Structures are given as structure tokens and as C-alpha cells.
C-alpha atoms as a PDB file:
ATOM      1  CA  ALA A   1       0.134   0.621  -0.353  1.00  0.00           C
ATOM      2  CA  SER A   2       2.941   2.177  -0.394  1.00  0.00           C
ATOM      3  CA  GLY A   3       2.302   2.860  -4.122  1.00  0.00           C
ATOM      4  CA  TYR A   4      -0.721   4.222  -3.024  1.00  0.00           C
ATOM      5  CA  ARG A   5      -0.707   6.938   1.106  1.00  0.00           C
ATOM      6  CA  PRO A   6       2.940   7.433   2.758  1.00  0.00           C
ATOM      7  CA  GLU A   7       4.050   5.121   4.606  1.00  0.00           C
ATOM      8  CA  HIS A   8       4.186   4.203   7.863  1.00  0.00           C
ATOM      9  CA  THR A   9       0.432   6.151   8.144  1.00  0.00           C
ATOM     10  CA  LEU A  10      -2.351   4.917   9.757  1.00  0.00           C
ATOM     11  CA  ALA A  11      -3.852   5.703   6.070  1.00  0.00           C
ATOM     12  CA  GLY A  12      -1.129   3.449   3.990  1.00  0.00           C
ATOM     13  CA  TYR A  13      -2.406   0.297   6.985  1.00  0.00           C
ATOM     14  CA  GLU A  14      -5.520   0.253   6.953  1.00  0.00           C
ATOM     15  CA  LEU A  15      -5.439   0.825   2.673  1.00  0.00           C
ATOM     16  CA  ALA A  16      -2.770  -2.422   2.855  1.00  0.00           C
ATOM     17  CA  ILE A  17      -5.447  -4.013   5.415  1.00  0.00           C
ATOM     18  CA  ASP A  18      -8.622  -3.364   2.569  1.00  0.00           C
ATOM     19  CA  LEU A  19      -6.338  -4.375  -0.019  1.00  0.00           C
ATOM     20  CA  GLY A  20      -6.757  -7.909   1.702  1.00  0.00           C
ATOM     21  CA  ALA A  21      -2.901  -7.562   3.245  1.00  0.00           C
ATOM     22  CA  ASP A  22      -2.932 -10.950   5.550  1.00  0.00           C
ATOM     23  CA  PHE A  23      -0.127  -8.909   7.501  1.00  0.00           C
ATOM     24  CA  ILE A  24       0.613  -5.145   7.920  1.00  0.00           C
ATOM     25  CA  GLU A  25       4.270  -4.240   8.303  1.00  0.00           C
ATOM     26  CA  PRO A  26       5.370  -1.546  10.913  1.00  0.00           C
ATOM     27  CA  ASP A  27       8.940  -0.250  11.282  1.00  0.00           C
ATOM     28  CA  LEU A  28       8.954   1.072  15.544  1.00  0.00           C
ATOM     29  CA  VAL A  29      10.935   3.673  17.321  1.00  0.00           C
ATOM     30  CA  MET A  30      11.263   5.230  20.335  1.00  0.00           C
ATOM     31  CA  THR A  31      10.551   8.764  21.473  1.00  0.00           C
ATOM     32  CA  GLN A  32      12.504  10.472  24.176  1.00  0.00           C
ATOM     33  CA  ASP A  33       9.580   9.656  25.784  1.00  0.00           C
ATOM     34  CA  SER A  34       9.639   6.204  25.655  1.00  0.00           C
ATOM     35  CA  VAL A  35       6.937   5.262  23.633  1.00  0.00           C
ATOM     36  CA  LEU A  36       7.399   3.443  19.650  1.00  0.00           C
ATOM     37  CA  VAL A  37       6.441   4.801  17.058  1.00  0.00           C
ATOM     38  CA  ALA A  38       6.077   3.517  13.231  1.00  0.00           C
ATOM     39  CA  ARG A  39       8.870   5.291  10.926  1.00  0.00           C
ATOM     40  CA  HIS A  40      11.464   4.206   8.197  1.00  0.00           C
ATOM     41  CA  GLU A  41      13.856   5.361  10.699  1.00  0.00           C
ATOM     42  CA  ASN A  42      14.827   7.736  13.049  1.00  0.00           C
ATOM     43  CA  GLU A  43      15.796  10.691  11.379  1.00  0.00           C
ATOM     44  CA  ILE A  44      12.233  11.856  10.238  1.00  0.00           C
ATOM     45  CA  SER A  45      14.053  14.804   8.035  1.00  0.00           C
ATOM     46  CA  SER A  46      12.830  13.000   4.600  1.00  0.00           C
ATOM     47  CA  THR A  47      10.149  11.370   6.319  1.00  0.00           C
ATOM     48  CA  THR A  48       8.429  14.090   8.065  1.00  0.00           C
ATOM     49  CA  ASN A  49       7.959  18.045   7.913  1.00  0.00           C
ATOM     50  CA  VAL A  50       9.764  18.767  10.916  1.00  0.00           C
ATOM     51  CA  THR A  51      11.925  21.046   8.441  1.00  0.00           C
ATOM     52  CA  ASP A  52       8.811  23.357   9.070  1.00  0.00           C
ATOM     53  CA  PHE A  53       8.800  23.618  12.482  1.00  0.00           C
ATOM     54  CA  PRO A  54      10.865  27.008  13.889  1.00  0.00           C
ATOM     55  CA  GLU A  55      10.891  25.781  17.308  1.00  0.00           C
ATOM     56  CA  PHE A  56      12.607  22.091  16.576  1.00  0.00           C
ATOM     57  CA  ALA A  57      15.286  24.264  14.437  1.00  0.00           C
ATOM     58  CA  THR A  58      17.562  23.571  17.428  1.00  0.00           C
ATOM     59  CA  ARG A  59      16.944  20.068  17.856  1.00  0.00           C
ATOM     60  CA  LYS A  60      18.946  18.917  14.300  1.00  0.00           C
ATOM     61  CA  THR A  61      22.499  17.742  15.115  1.00  0.00           C
ATOM     62  CA  THR A  62      24.318  14.953  14.020  1.00  0.00           C
ATOM     63  CA  LYS A  63      24.281  11.028  15.041  1.00  0.00           C
ATOM     64  CA  ILE A  64      26.401   8.391  14.575  1.00  0.00           C
ATOM     65  CA  ILE A  65      23.836   5.360  14.228  1.00  0.00           C
ATOM     66  CA  ASP A  66      24.952   2.370  13.624  1.00  0.00           C
ATOM     67  CA  ASN A  67      28.714   3.530  12.437  1.00  0.00           C
ATOM     68  CA  LEU A  68      27.172   5.978  10.323  1.00  0.00           C
ATOM     69  CA  SER A  69      26.701   9.615  10.425  1.00  0.00           C
ATOM     70  CA  PHE A  70      23.937  10.730  10.007  1.00  0.00           C
ATOM     71  CA  THR A  71      22.620  14.833  10.205  1.00  0.00           C
ATOM     72  CA  GLY A  72      19.097  15.880  10.655  1.00  0.00           C
ATOM     73  CA  TRP A  73      15.730  15.005  13.531  1.00  0.00           C
ATOM     74  CA  PHE A  74      15.452  12.527  15.323  1.00  0.00           C
ATOM     75  CA  THR A  75      12.616  10.730  17.061  1.00  0.00           C
ATOM     76  CA  GLU A  76      14.443  10.265  20.114  1.00  0.00           C
ATOM     77  CA  ASP A  77      14.603  14.294  20.304  1.00  0.00           C
ATOM     78  CA  PHE A  78      11.179  14.340  19.984  1.00  0.00           C
ATOM     79  CA  THR A  79       7.803  13.585  22.790  1.00  0.00           C
ATOM     80  CA  LEU A  80       5.130  12.091  21.470  1.00  0.00           C
ATOM     81  CA  SER A  81       2.958  15.917  21.735  1.00  0.00           C
ATOM     82  CA  GLU A  82       5.820  17.253  19.459  1.00  0.00           C
ATOM     83  CA  LEU A  83       5.990  14.934  16.799  1.00  0.00           C
ATOM     84  CA  LYS A  84       1.800  14.450  17.085  1.00  0.00           C
ATOM     85  CA  GLN A  85       2.076  18.224  15.734  1.00  0.00           C
ATOM     86  CA  LEU A  86       4.391  16.797  12.655  1.00  0.00           C
ATOM     87  CA  ARG A  87       3.102  15.251   9.724  1.00  0.00           C
ATOM     88  CA  ALA A  88       4.188  12.257   7.380  1.00  0.00           C
ATOM     89  CA  LYS A  89       5.906  13.203   3.961  1.00  0.00           C
ATOM     90  CA  GLU A  90       6.818  10.663   1.306  1.00  0.00           C
ATOM     91  CA  ARG A  91      10.094   9.087   1.564  1.00  0.00           C
ATOM     92  CA  LEU A  92      10.647   8.736  -2.066  1.00  0.00           C
ATOM     93  CA  PRO A  93       9.078  11.253  -4.422  1.00  0.00           C
ATOM     94  CA  GLN A  94      11.373  10.137  -6.990  1.00  0.00           C
ATOM     95  CA  LEU A  95       9.958   7.319  -7.508  1.00  0.00           C
ATOM     96  CA  ARG A  96       6.511   7.630  -5.160  1.00  0.00           C
ATOM     97  CA  SER A  97       5.244  10.802  -6.401  1.00  0.00           C
ATOM     98  CA  GLN A  98       1.109  10.419  -6.923  1.00  0.00           C
ATOM     99  CA  ASN A  99       2.439  10.499  -2.567  1.00  0.00           C
ATOM    100  CA  THR A 100       2.822  13.686  -3.177  1.00  0.00           C
ATOM    101  CA  ALA A 101      -0.353  14.731  -2.651  1.00  0.00           C
ATOM    102  CA  TYR A 102      -1.078  12.359   0.864  1.00  0.00           C
ATOM    103  CA  ASP A 103       2.137  14.832   1.883  1.00  0.00           C
ATOM    104  CA  GLY A 104       0.982  17.022   5.852  1.00  0.00           C
ATOM    105  CA  CYS A 105      -2.545  14.962   5.858  1.00  0.00           C
ATOM    106  CA  PHE A 106      -1.410  12.549   7.751  1.00  0.00           C
ATOM    107  CA  THR A 107       0.718  12.541  11.918  1.00  0.00           C
ATOM    108  CA  ILE A 108       3.129   9.581  12.861  1.00  0.00           C
ATOM    109  CA  PRO A 109       1.121   6.688  14.213  1.00  0.00           C
ATOM    110  CA  THR A 110       2.362   5.188  17.214  1.00  0.00           C
ATOM    111  CA  PHE A 111       2.485   1.252  17.365  1.00  0.00           C
ATOM    112  CA  GLN A 112      -0.858   0.870  19.401  1.00  0.00           C
ATOM    113  CA  GLU A 113      -3.078   3.405  17.505  1.00  0.00           C
ATOM    114  CA  ILE A 114      -1.772   0.421  14.762  1.00  0.00           C
ATOM    115  CA  ILE A 115      -2.457  -2.144  16.793  1.00  0.00           C
ATOM    116  CA  ASP A 116      -6.454  -0.236  17.633  1.00  0.00           C
ATOM    117  CA  LEU A 117      -6.417  -0.411  14.162  1.00  0.00           C
ATOM    118  CA  VAL A 118      -5.771  -3.951  12.907  1.00  0.00           C
ATOM    119  CA  ARG A 119      -8.032  -5.307  16.079  1.00  0.00           C
ATOM    120  CA  GLU A 120     -11.740  -2.493  15.088  1.00  0.00           C
ATOM    121  CA  LYS A 121     -10.599  -3.543  11.167  1.00  0.00           C
ATOM    122  CA  GLU A 122     -10.581  -7.551  12.380  1.00  0.00           C
ATOM    123  CA  GLN A 123     -13.904  -6.814  13.904  1.00  0.00           C
ATOM    124  CA  ILE A 124     -15.463  -5.314  10.764  1.00  0.00           C
ATOM    125  CA  THR A 125     -13.965  -7.644   8.144  1.00  0.00           C
ATOM    126  CA  GLY A 126     -13.438 -10.831  10.574  1.00  0.00           C
ATOM    127  CA  ARG A 127     -10.680 -11.813   9.487  1.00  0.00           C
ATOM    128  CA  THR A 128      -7.243 -11.894  11.416  1.00  0.00           C
ATOM    129  CA  ILE A 129      -4.771  -9.541  10.720  1.00  0.00           C
ATOM    130  CA  GLY A 130      -1.675 -10.136  11.553  1.00  0.00           C
ATOM    131  CA  ILE A 131       0.537  -7.286  12.618  1.00  0.00           C
ATOM    132  CA  TYR A 132       5.259  -7.721  11.586  1.00  0.00           C
ATOM    133  CA  PRO A 133       6.995  -5.512  13.237  1.00  0.00           C
ATOM    134  CA  GLU A 134      10.884  -4.271  12.724  1.00  0.00           C
ATOM    135  CA  THR A 135      13.395  -2.560  15.644  1.00  0.00           C
ATOM    136  CA  LYS A 136      14.888  -0.317  13.994  1.00  0.00           C
ATOM    137  CA  HIS A 137      17.924   0.392  15.475  1.00  0.00           C
ATOM    138  CA  PRO A 138      17.627  -1.197  18.612  1.00  0.00           C
ATOM    139  CA  SER A 139      21.746  -1.486  19.260  1.00  0.00           C
ATOM    140  CA  TYR A 140      21.711   2.981  19.056  1.00  0.00           C
ATOM    141  CA  PHE A 141      18.825   3.297  20.778  1.00  0.00           C
ATOM    142  CA  ARG A 142      19.643   0.498  24.110  1.00  0.00           C
ATOM    143  CA  SER A 143      22.715   2.773  23.859  1.00  0.00           C
ATOM    144  CA  VAL A 144      21.570   6.089  24.621  1.00  0.00           C
ATOM    145  CA  GLY A 145      19.040   4.426  27.176  1.00  0.00           C
ATOM    146  CA  TYR A 146      16.159   3.224  25.633  1.00  0.00           C
ATOM    147  CA  ALA A 147      14.393  -0.935  26.188  1.00  0.00           C
ATOM    148  CA  LEU A 148      12.490  -0.590  22.623  1.00  0.00           C
ATOM    149  CA  GLU A 149      13.351  -4.729  23.206  1.00  0.00           C
ATOM    150  CA  GLU A 150      10.860  -3.996  26.058  1.00  0.00           C
ATOM    151  CA  GLU A 151       9.007  -1.679  25.413  1.00  0.00           C
ATOM    152  CA  LEU A 152       7.785  -3.536  22.114  1.00  0.00           C
ATOM    153  CA  LEU A 153       6.913  -6.261  24.193  1.00  0.00           C
ATOM    154  CA  ARG A 154       4.750  -4.552  26.640  1.00  0.00           C
ATOM    155  CA  VAL A 155       2.757  -3.545  23.840  1.00  0.00           C
ATOM    156  CA  LEU A 156       2.167  -6.366  23.333  1.00  0.00           C
ATOM    157  CA  LYS A 157       1.302  -8.267  26.291  1.00  0.00           C
ATOM    158  CA  LEU A 158      -1.219  -5.654  26.867  1.00  0.00           C
ATOM    159  CA  ASN A 159      -2.570  -6.351  23.260  1.00  0.00           C
ATOM    160  CA  GLY A 160      -3.013  -9.783  24.043  1.00  0.00           C
ATOM    161  CA  TYR A 161       0.096 -10.553  21.698  1.00  0.00           C
ATOM    162  CA  GLU A 162       1.718 -13.745  23.446  1.00  0.00           C
ATOM    163  CA  GLY A 163       2.844 -16.484  22.337  1.00  0.00           C
ATOM    164  CA  LYS A 164       4.306 -18.672  19.384  1.00  0.00           C
ATOM    165  CA  SER A 165       0.231 -18.538  17.799  1.00  0.00           C
ATOM    166  CA  ALA A 166      -0.462 -15.056  18.230  1.00  0.00           C
ATOM    167  CA  PRO A 167      -0.761 -13.517  14.978  1.00  0.00           C
ATOM    168  CA  ILE A 168       2.609 -12.029  15.684  1.00  0.00           C
ATOM    169  CA  PHE A 169       6.395 -12.071  13.903  1.00  0.00           C
ATOM    170  CA  ILE A 170       9.470  -9.995  15.547  1.00  0.00           C
ATOM    171  CA  GLN A 171      11.901  -8.469  12.759  1.00  0.00           C
ATOM    172  CA  SER A 172      15.663  -7.418  12.714  1.00  0.00           C
ATOM    173  CA  PHE A 173      18.697  -6.853  10.501  1.00  0.00           C
ATOM    174  CA  GLU A 174      19.990  -7.148  14.167  1.00  0.00           C
ATOM    175  CA  VAL A 175      21.981 -10.914  15.721  1.00  0.00           C
ATOM    176  CA  ASN A 176      22.148  -9.567  18.776  1.00  0.00           C
ATOM    177  CA  ASN A 177      18.414  -7.503  19.446  1.00  0.00           C
ATOM    178  CA  LEU A 178      17.739 -11.115  18.030  1.00  0.00           C
ATOM    179  CA  LYS A 179      18.981 -13.321  20.418  1.00  0.00           C
ATOM    180  CA  PHE A 180      18.461 -10.180  23.807  1.00  0.00           C
ATOM    181  CA  LEU A 181      14.394 -11.187  22.146  1.00  0.00           C
ATOM    182  CA  HIS A 182      14.456 -15.132  21.831  1.00  0.00           C
ATOM    183  CA  LYS A 183      15.698 -15.196  25.896  1.00  0.00           C
ATOM    184  CA  ILE A 184      12.863 -13.553  26.419  1.00  0.00           C
ATOM    185  CA  THR A 185       9.624 -13.855  24.367  1.00  0.00           C
ATOM    186  CA  ASP A 186       8.986 -17.413  22.281  1.00  0.00           C
ATOM    187  CA  ILE A 187       6.915 -14.700  19.633  1.00  0.00           C
ATOM    188  CA  PRO A 188       8.061 -15.913  16.670  1.00  0.00           C
ATOM    189  CA  LEU A 189      12.017 -13.458  15.406  1.00  0.00           C
ATOM    190  CA  ILE A 190      13.074 -13.592  11.989  1.00  0.00           C
ATOM    191  CA  GLN A 191      16.805 -12.511  10.877  1.00  0.00           C
ATOM    192  CA  LEU A 192      16.143 -10.078   7.823  1.00  0.00           C
ATOM    193  CA  ILE A 193      19.280  -9.228   6.274  1.00  0.00           C
ATOM    194  CA  ASN A 194      20.106  -6.715   3.964  1.00  0.00           C
ATOM    195  CA  ASP A 195      21.217  -7.248  -0.625  1.00  0.00           C
ATOM    196  CA  GLN A 196      25.207  -7.247   0.207  1.00  0.00           C
ATOM    197  CA  GLY A 197      23.775 -10.577   2.336  1.00  0.00           C
END
């Protein structure tokens, strides 16, 4: 559905479900107040209108994440209420130019809001709709004091997603992240690899 709506928005997830998707796939990062939100990366200048807010100009910074340097605005430097002031925009306008018509229309969803949408759509459709969250940069988040994995499992448990039979898979590019999760949950885990192996 990212070809029809900006990715990681409730509108995108809802359209995916309406088109018949069995699972939706939110990328998860954390806010300053430890709330899980859906963004492709924790650096948000390419996926939100943060540059339109002069009050946030001083938050622009450079960080080292996974041994790479990034300059911009980062979710962990904003509270959820601050992030909710921003609006999503198309991350790849050169590839999905039609989605730019929706720039500024949608807020950044929390993981809980995504789960609430799934539950609502399950009630309407009578289908089970799975969730396939990806933990983004969990080692980086842990290095700056955020327990992304524990918060993910807390939210999942709160919503009844426990055990191997729950319609949930947790995915990550990080091996240590998955090894840690394997010790504390029996939810199925998926190791992602990039196209370079």
C-alpha cells in the first residue's frame, strides 16, 4: 500500500488491510518519552515536515547510528506530543510521486494506534490481520538509554499478543537484538539480511 499512501501511516496500513493484506509491517522507533512510533528511520527529515517548524530548528543534530553519521532530526529527541504536531510525507517522491498529494495529511502513528486499527479492522472484516513489526536500530536505542525490545513486548502483551500462535512476527537486521528477544519471548523472530548478504 506504500505505492498508494505514504508509508508508516494509519491510512497506509488501513488501505493495505482493505486491499486484503494478511499482515502489516510497521518499522518501530522510540520517542523521547519511550513511546514506540512507526517511522522508516529515527531520522525524520525525509518522512515528516519537521523542517517547517522553526521551534524545532535547534533539534537538528548529527548522530552516529550503526557506525554511520546522520544529520537531521531524530524521534528520540521529541516527545510524542511534539511528534504528533508533525505530518508525514512521502519518503521516496522520485519513485512514488503520486503519494506527494498526501504530504501533510497524516500524523505519525504510535504502535498502539496501529494495533487499535488492526483490532478494529478485524472486527469489521472478520479476518485475522497479523502484525510484522521491525525493530529499527535497537542497539543504538539501547546505547542511548531506551529499551526498545522491552517496550515492544510490553505493548504486545498488553494487547494479548503472546506465544507462538499469535499473529505476530518480530523482525530485525540485528543479530544480538534477536538473540536477546529469543531469551525473553517465544514470539517468532525473523532475521533480516540486506541485498549485500
